[in-house]
Amino acid sequence: MSRAPSLDDDSSLFIYMVSFMTVLIRALALCATFIATSPTLAQGTGAKGYFNIYNVTVGHEIVGFYTNEGHGWTTNWLTAETLTVGEGAVAQFQPGAVTCQQTFTVGWRSTAGREIRGHPVAINICDATNVYLGIDKLSFD
């Protein structure tokens, strides 16, 4: 039968504390991983109020993502400063608050540091789960 470490036994106390901290760190890492990946793991569509966007370019940062339902461009949907190559984000909105037929444009960082918007592209967002953003082209599944 094991005994609880005592303050008189420094080596046992040290081993106990290291074991406890290891378990705690692993538990926190598991929670952080779940929280960080849960929107990506959910397979919904724009009809459910969210979709994933991904930067699939080579060497270009996305600095803006905008939609237009015929009343002008929205403000930038991105809450992060940029989406670098290979990064993704979740675009969320109130289901039923937007029409399925959407027009998107993407803002790219120029070599001078300014935003340059690409050509508008139309998509039925209700059919999309993942939207892949390339230079002047967009695809989805």
C-alpha atoms as a PDB file:
ATOM      1  CA  MET A   1       0.000   0.000   0.000  1.00  0.00           C
ATOM      2  CA  SER A   2       1.419   3.383  -0.938  1.00  0.00           C
ATOM      3  CA  ARG A   3       1.565   6.163   1.522  1.00  0.00           C
ATOM      4  CA  ALA A   4       0.934   9.846   0.993  1.00  0.00           C
ATOM      5  CA  PRO A   5       4.131  11.887   0.775  1.00  0.00           C
ATOM      6  CA  SER A   6       5.158  13.666   3.890  1.00  0.00           C
ATOM      7  CA  LEU A   7       6.916  16.979   4.227  1.00  0.00           C
ATOM      8  CA  ASP A   8       9.812  15.072   5.811  1.00  0.00           C
ATOM      9  CA  ASP A   9      10.329  13.007   2.659  1.00  0.00           C
ATOM     10  CA  ASP A  10      11.461  15.558   0.012  1.00  0.00           C
ATOM     11  CA  SER A  11      12.041  13.042  -2.777  1.00  0.00           C
ATOM     12  CA  SER A  12       8.552  11.522  -2.429  1.00  0.00           C
ATOM     13  CA  LEU A  13       6.959  14.964  -2.329  1.00  0.00           C
ATOM     14  CA  PHE A  14       8.887  16.013  -5.422  1.00  0.00           C
ATOM     15  CA  ILE A  15       7.839  12.876  -7.354  1.00  0.00           C
ATOM     16  CA  TYR A  16       4.225  13.347  -6.248  1.00  0.00           C
ATOM     17  CA  MET A  17       4.208  16.993  -7.393  1.00  0.00           C
ATOM     18  CA  VAL A  18       5.823  16.154 -10.753  1.00  0.00           C
ATOM     19  CA  SER A  19       3.247  13.393 -11.343  1.00  0.00           C
ATOM     20  CA  PHE A  20       0.388  15.697 -10.395  1.00  0.00           C
ATOM     21  CA  MET A  21       1.650  18.502 -12.645  1.00  0.00           C
ATOM     22  CA  THR A  22       2.129  16.082 -15.557  1.00  0.00           C
ATOM     23  CA  VAL A  23      -1.469  14.879 -15.280  1.00  0.00           C
ATOM     24  CA  LEU A  24      -2.736  18.457 -14.952  1.00  0.00           C
ATOM     25  CA  ILE A  25      -0.788  19.669 -18.010  1.00  0.00           C
ATOM     26  CA  ARG A  26      -2.025  16.741 -20.110  1.00  0.00           C
ATOM     27  CA  ALA A  27      -5.623  17.401 -19.064  1.00  0.00           C
ATOM     28  CA  LEU A  28      -5.316  21.113 -19.907  1.00  0.00           C
ATOM     29  CA  ALA A  29      -3.707  20.315 -23.273  1.00  0.00           C
ATOM     30  CA  LEU A  30      -6.515  17.893 -24.109  1.00  0.00           C
ATOM     31  CA  CYS A  31      -9.147  20.512 -23.214  1.00  0.00           C
ATOM     32  CA  ALA A  32      -7.386  23.175 -25.285  1.00  0.00           C
ATOM     33  CA  THR A  33      -7.150  20.830 -28.274  1.00  0.00           C
ATOM     34  CA  PHE A  34     -10.850  20.007 -28.055  1.00  0.00           C
ATOM     35  CA  ILE A  35     -11.845  23.669 -27.805  1.00  0.00           C
ATOM     36  CA  ALA A  36      -9.562  24.696 -30.669  1.00  0.00           C
ATOM     37  CA  THR A  37     -10.722  21.974 -33.058  1.00  0.00           C
ATOM     38  CA  SER A  38     -14.397  21.558 -32.195  1.00  0.00           C
ATOM     39  CA  PRO A  39     -15.721  24.059 -34.819  1.00  0.00           C
ATOM     40  CA  THR A  40     -13.614  22.361 -37.470  1.00  0.00           C
ATOM     41  CA  LEU A  41     -14.793  18.903 -36.458  1.00  0.00           C
ATOM     42  CA  ALA A  42     -18.439  19.877 -36.752  1.00  0.00           C
ATOM     43  CA  GLN A  43     -19.645  19.100 -40.237  1.00  0.00           C
ATOM     44  CA  GLY A  44     -22.370  21.589 -40.977  1.00  0.00           C
ATOM     45  CA  THR A  45     -23.236  23.784 -43.896  1.00  0.00           C
ATOM     46  CA  GLY A  46     -24.055  27.415 -44.377  1.00  0.00           C
ATOM     47  CA  ALA A  47     -27.688  26.385 -43.953  1.00  0.00           C
ATOM     48  CA  LYS A  48     -26.838  25.627 -40.293  1.00  0.00           C
ATOM     49  CA  GLY A  49     -25.244  29.034 -39.757  1.00  0.00           C
ATOM     50  CA  TYR A  50     -21.548  28.400 -40.228  1.00  0.00           C
ATOM     51  CA  PHE A  51     -18.930  27.240 -42.697  1.00  0.00           C
ATOM     52  CA  ASN A  52     -15.150  26.943 -42.722  1.00  0.00           C
ATOM     53  CA  ILE A  53     -12.905  29.104 -44.901  1.00  0.00           C
ATOM     54  CA  TYR A  54      -9.335  28.138 -45.837  1.00  0.00           C
ATOM     55  CA  ASN A  55      -6.443  29.999 -47.447  1.00  0.00           C
ATOM     56  CA  VAL A  56      -5.233  27.634 -50.196  1.00  0.00           C
ATOM     57  CA  THR A  57      -2.937  30.059 -52.000  1.00  0.00           C
ATOM     58  CA  VAL A  58       0.811  29.879 -52.354  1.00  0.00           C
ATOM     59  CA  GLY A  59       2.460  32.748 -50.522  1.00  0.00           C
ATOM     60  CA  HIS A  60      -0.517  35.095 -50.027  1.00  0.00           C
ATOM     61  CA  GLU A  61      -2.109  36.280 -46.784  1.00  0.00           C
ATOM     62  CA  ILE A  62      -5.843  36.825 -46.579  1.00  0.00           C
ATOM     63  CA  VAL A  63      -6.669  40.020 -44.692  1.00  0.00           C
ATOM     64  CA  GLY A  64     -10.361  40.348 -45.552  1.00  0.00           C
ATOM     65  CA  PHE A  65     -13.424  38.246 -46.311  1.00  0.00           C
ATOM     66  CA  TYR A  66     -16.621  40.017 -47.406  1.00  0.00           C
ATOM     67  CA  THR A  67     -20.113  39.033 -48.590  1.00  0.00           C
ATOM     68  CA  ASN A  68     -22.731  40.900 -50.599  1.00  0.00           C
ATOM     69  CA  GLU A  69     -26.425  40.000 -50.856  1.00  0.00           C
ATOM     70  CA  GLY A  70     -27.140  42.878 -53.213  1.00  0.00           C
ATOM     71  CA  HIS A  71     -27.061  45.653 -50.601  1.00  0.00           C
ATOM     72  CA  GLY A  72     -23.330  46.363 -50.580  1.00  0.00           C
ATOM     73  CA  TRP A  73     -20.317  44.663 -49.051  1.00  0.00           C
ATOM     74  CA  THR A  74     -20.315  43.598 -45.412  1.00  0.00           C
ATOM     75  CA  THR A  75     -17.619  44.540 -42.980  1.00  0.00           C
ATOM     76  CA  ASN A  76     -14.668  42.187 -42.756  1.00  0.00           C
ATOM     77  CA  TRP A  77     -15.761  38.777 -41.378  1.00  0.00           C
ATOM     78  CA  LEU A  78     -12.243  37.907 -40.208  1.00  0.00           C
ATOM     79  CA  THR A  79     -11.607  38.461 -36.532  1.00  0.00           C
ATOM     80  CA  ALA A  80      -7.980  37.382 -36.845  1.00  0.00           C
ATOM     81  CA  GLU A  81      -5.571  39.845 -38.411  1.00  0.00           C
ATOM     82  CA  THR A  82      -4.710  37.489 -41.274  1.00  0.00           C
ATOM     83  CA  LEU A  83      -5.146  33.961 -42.561  1.00  0.00           C
ATOM     84  CA  THR A  84      -1.752  32.760 -43.688  1.00  0.00           C
ATOM     85  CA  VAL A  85      -1.285  29.970 -46.206  1.00  0.00           C
ATOM     86  CA  GLY A  86      -2.941  26.787 -44.955  1.00  0.00           C
ATOM     87  CA  GLU A  87      -4.853  28.466 -42.120  1.00  0.00           C
ATOM     88  CA  GLY A  88      -8.604  28.343 -41.734  1.00  0.00           C
ATOM     89  CA  ALA A  89     -11.364  30.069 -39.811  1.00  0.00           C
ATOM     90  CA  VAL A  90     -15.028  29.511 -39.070  1.00  0.00           C
ATOM     91  CA  ALA A  91     -17.532  32.002 -40.505  1.00  0.00           C
ATOM     92  CA  GLN A  92     -20.662  32.072 -38.353  1.00  0.00           C
ATOM     93  CA  PHE A  93     -23.957  33.865 -38.816  1.00  0.00           C
ATOM     94  CA  GLN A  94     -27.570  33.627 -37.732  1.00  0.00           C
ATOM     95  CA  PRO A  95     -29.219  30.796 -39.717  1.00  0.00           C
ATOM     96  CA  GLY A  96     -32.052  32.133 -41.831  1.00  0.00           C
ATOM     97  CA  ALA A  97     -30.717  35.692 -41.555  1.00  0.00           C
ATOM     98  CA  VAL A  98     -28.954  35.523 -44.923  1.00  0.00           C
ATOM     99  CA  THR A  99     -29.947  34.191 -48.319  1.00  0.00           C
ATOM    100  CA  CYS A 100     -28.285  31.040 -49.613  1.00  0.00           C
ATOM    101  CA  GLN A 101     -27.023  32.759 -52.755  1.00  0.00           C
ATOM    102  CA  GLN A 102     -24.030  34.845 -51.676  1.00  0.00           C
ATOM    103  CA  THR A 103     -21.317  36.785 -53.445  1.00  0.00           C
ATOM    104  CA  PHE A 104     -17.897  36.730 -51.790  1.00  0.00           C
ATOM    105  CA  THR A 105     -14.710  38.650 -52.254  1.00  0.00           C
ATOM    106  CA  VAL A 106     -11.403  38.143 -50.519  1.00  0.00           C
ATOM    107  CA  GLY A 107      -8.893  40.790 -49.492  1.00  0.00           C
ATOM    108  CA  TRP A 108      -5.206  39.964 -49.975  1.00  0.00           C
ATOM    109  CA  ARG A 109      -2.211  41.754 -48.444  1.00  0.00           C
ATOM    110  CA  SER A 110      -0.198  43.453 -51.182  1.00  0.00           C
ATOM    111  CA  THR A 111       3.591  43.736 -51.102  1.00  0.00           C
ATOM    112  CA  ALA A 112       3.055  47.355 -49.994  1.00  0.00           C
ATOM    113  CA  GLY A 113       0.958  46.118 -47.037  1.00  0.00           C
ATOM    114  CA  ARG A 114      -2.411  47.307 -48.397  1.00  0.00           C
ATOM    115  CA  GLU A 115      -5.518  45.231 -48.948  1.00  0.00           C
ATOM    116  CA  ILE A 116      -6.337  44.335 -52.536  1.00  0.00           C
ATOM    117  CA  ARG A 117      -9.723  42.724 -53.115  1.00  0.00           C
ATOM    118  CA  GLY A 118     -10.145  39.893 -55.577  1.00  0.00           C
ATOM    119  CA  HIS A 119     -12.934  39.440 -58.108  1.00  0.00           C
ATOM    120  CA  PRO A 120     -16.384  38.709 -56.630  1.00  0.00           C
ATOM    121  CA  VAL A 121     -17.489  35.068 -56.827  1.00  0.00           C
ATOM    122  CA  ALA A 122     -21.080  33.781 -56.411  1.00  0.00           C
ATOM    123  CA  ILE A 123     -21.811  30.671 -54.338  1.00  0.00           C
ATOM    124  CA  ASN A 124     -24.786  28.926 -52.755  1.00  0.00           C
ATOM    125  CA  ILE A 125     -23.527  28.994 -49.170  1.00  0.00           C
ATOM    126  CA  CYS A 126     -26.271  26.643 -47.967  1.00  0.00           C
ATOM    127  CA  ASP A 127     -24.500  23.869 -49.889  1.00  0.00           C
ATOM    128  CA  ALA A 128     -21.040  24.642 -48.499  1.00  0.00           C
ATOM    129  CA  THR A 129     -19.212  23.168 -45.527  1.00  0.00           C
ATOM    130  CA  ASN A 130     -15.683  24.203 -46.494  1.00  0.00           C
ATOM    131  CA  VAL A 131     -14.838  27.178 -48.705  1.00  0.00           C
ATOM    132  CA  TYR A 132     -11.340  27.188 -50.227  1.00  0.00           C
ATOM    133  CA  LEU A 133     -10.059  30.649 -51.085  1.00  0.00           C
ATOM    134  CA  GLY A 134      -7.529  30.982 -53.885  1.00  0.00           C
ATOM    135  CA  ILE A 135      -6.385  33.962 -55.904  1.00  0.00           C
ATOM    136  CA  ASP A 136      -9.514  35.092 -57.810  1.00  0.00           C
ATOM    137  CA  LYS A 137     -11.123  31.683 -57.481  1.00  0.00           C
ATOM    138  CA  LEU A 138     -13.140  29.953 -54.866  1.00  0.00           C
ATOM    139  CA  SER A 139     -14.206  26.356 -54.482  1.00  0.00           C
ATOM    140  CA  PHE A 140     -16.283  24.566 -51.889  1.00  0.00           C
ATOM    141  CA  ASP A 141     -17.528  21.198 -50.751  1.00  0.00           C
END
